[in-house]
Amino acid sequence: MNKTFGENIRLYRQQKGWTVKRFIEELGNNLSATYITKIEIHEEIPSPELTCKIEDIFGLKEQQLLKIAKKTKVKQYRKSLDEKYSVKLD
């Protein structure tokens, strides 16, 4: 699966048929809908603790989302360097 972290979160949430509000309730946290939007659309990577909790409520394998988060972060970093220095990194 080549989707980013946020795309995966949105996909898993939608597969459950959950609204953002319901997702927040399932997490049992005082997160805002704005923060969930940052995760799903703007590629905010939550803390490892929250990421593990998300894995739990979706019934995912341990560290599945953490690995995707790492790949997403590396991709963001490379894109940032490409834009800043106009250099393509392999």
Protein backbone atom coordinates (compact mmCIF):
# COMPACT_ATOMS: atom_id res chain seq x y z
CA MET A 1 0.00 0.00 0.00
CA ASN A 2 1.62 3.26 -1.14
CA LYS A 3 -0.80 5.58 0.60
CA THR A 4 0.47 8.20 3.02
CA PHE A 5 -0.17 8.00 6.74
CA GLY A 6 -3.12 10.39 6.57
CA GLU A 7 -4.66 8.65 3.57
CA ASN A 8 -4.50 5.36 5.46
CA ILE A 9 -6.12 6.84 8.56
CA ARG A 10 -8.95 8.33 6.49
CA LEU A 11 -9.42 5.03 4.63
CA TYR A 12 -9.56 2.94 7.82
CA ARG A 13 -11.97 5.40 9.43
CA GLN A 14 -14.25 5.40 6.40
CA GLN A 15 -14.17 1.60 6.18
CA LYS A 16 -15.54 1.55 9.73
CA GLY A 17 -18.22 4.01 8.65
CA TRP A 18 -17.07 6.46 11.31
CA THR A 19 -17.38 10.20 11.13
CA VAL A 20 -14.49 12.26 12.45
CA LYS A 21 -16.54 12.84 15.61
CA ARG A 22 -17.05 9.11 16.13
CA PHE A 23 -13.34 8.47 15.50
CA ILE A 24 -12.47 10.98 18.20
CA GLU A 25 -14.93 9.27 20.57
CA GLU A 26 -13.36 5.88 19.85
CA LEU A 27 -9.93 7.29 20.65
CA GLY A 28 -11.26 8.49 23.98
CA ASN A 29 -9.22 11.63 23.75
CA ASN A 30 -9.97 15.29 23.75
CA LEU A 31 -8.75 15.68 20.20
CA SER A 32 -10.29 18.25 17.92
CA ALA A 33 -11.77 17.64 14.49
CA THR A 34 -9.21 20.15 13.24
CA TYR A 35 -6.38 17.93 14.48
CA ILE A 36 -7.87 14.86 12.79
CA THR A 37 -8.10 16.90 9.57
CA LYS A 38 -4.43 17.81 9.96
CA ILE A 39 -3.62 14.11 10.24
CA GLU A 40 -5.85 12.92 7.40
CA ILE A 41 -5.35 15.71 4.89
CA HIS A 42 -2.33 17.79 5.85
CA GLU A 43 -0.14 14.81 6.83
CA GLU A 44 0.43 15.70 10.46
CA ILE A 45 2.06 12.71 12.13
CA PRO A 46 0.74 12.16 15.66
CA SER A 47 2.82 10.98 18.59
CA PRO A 48 3.86 7.32 18.62
CA GLU A 49 1.52 6.77 21.57
CA LEU A 50 -1.49 8.10 19.67
CA THR A 51 -0.44 6.19 16.57
CA CYS A 52 -0.38 2.95 18.59
CA LYS A 53 -3.81 3.74 20.02
CA ILE A 54 -5.13 4.27 16.48
CA GLU A 55 -3.65 0.90 15.49
CA ASP A 56 -5.49 -0.70 18.40
CA ILE A 57 -8.91 0.74 17.62
CA PHE A 58 -8.61 -0.25 13.96
CA GLY A 59 -7.33 -3.73 14.91
CA LEU A 60 -4.13 -3.33 12.92
CA LYS A 61 -0.87 -5.22 13.37
CA GLU A 62 1.55 -3.75 15.86
CA GLN A 63 3.67 -0.98 14.35
CA GLN A 64 1.87 -1.13 10.99
CA LEU A 65 0.97 2.56 11.17
CA LEU A 66 4.29 3.49 12.74
CA LYS A 67 6.07 2.12 9.66
CA ILE A 68 3.74 4.07 7.36
CA ALA A 69 4.29 7.21 9.48
CA LYS A 70 8.05 6.82 9.08
CA LYS A 71 7.77 6.41 5.29
CA THR A 72 5.48 9.43 5.08
CA LYS A 73 7.87 11.54 7.15
CA VAL A 74 10.85 10.55 5.00
CA LYS A 75 8.87 11.36 1.84
CA GLN A 76 7.94 14.79 3.29
CA TYR A 77 11.56 15.48 4.19
CA ARG A 78 12.82 14.56 0.73
CA LYS A 79 10.18 16.70 -0.93
CA SER A 80 11.13 19.62 1.30
CA LEU A 81 14.81 19.22 0.41
CA ASP A 82 13.96 18.92 -3.30
CA GLU A 83 11.97 22.15 -3.14
CA LYS A 84 14.49 24.02 -1.04
CA TYR A 85 17.58 23.05 -3.00
CA SER A 86 16.04 22.20 -6.39
CA VAL A 87 17.82 18.89 -6.25
CA LYS A 88 16.30 15.46 -6.82
CA LEU A 89 17.29 12.88 -4.24
CA ASP A 90 17.08 9.19 -5.13
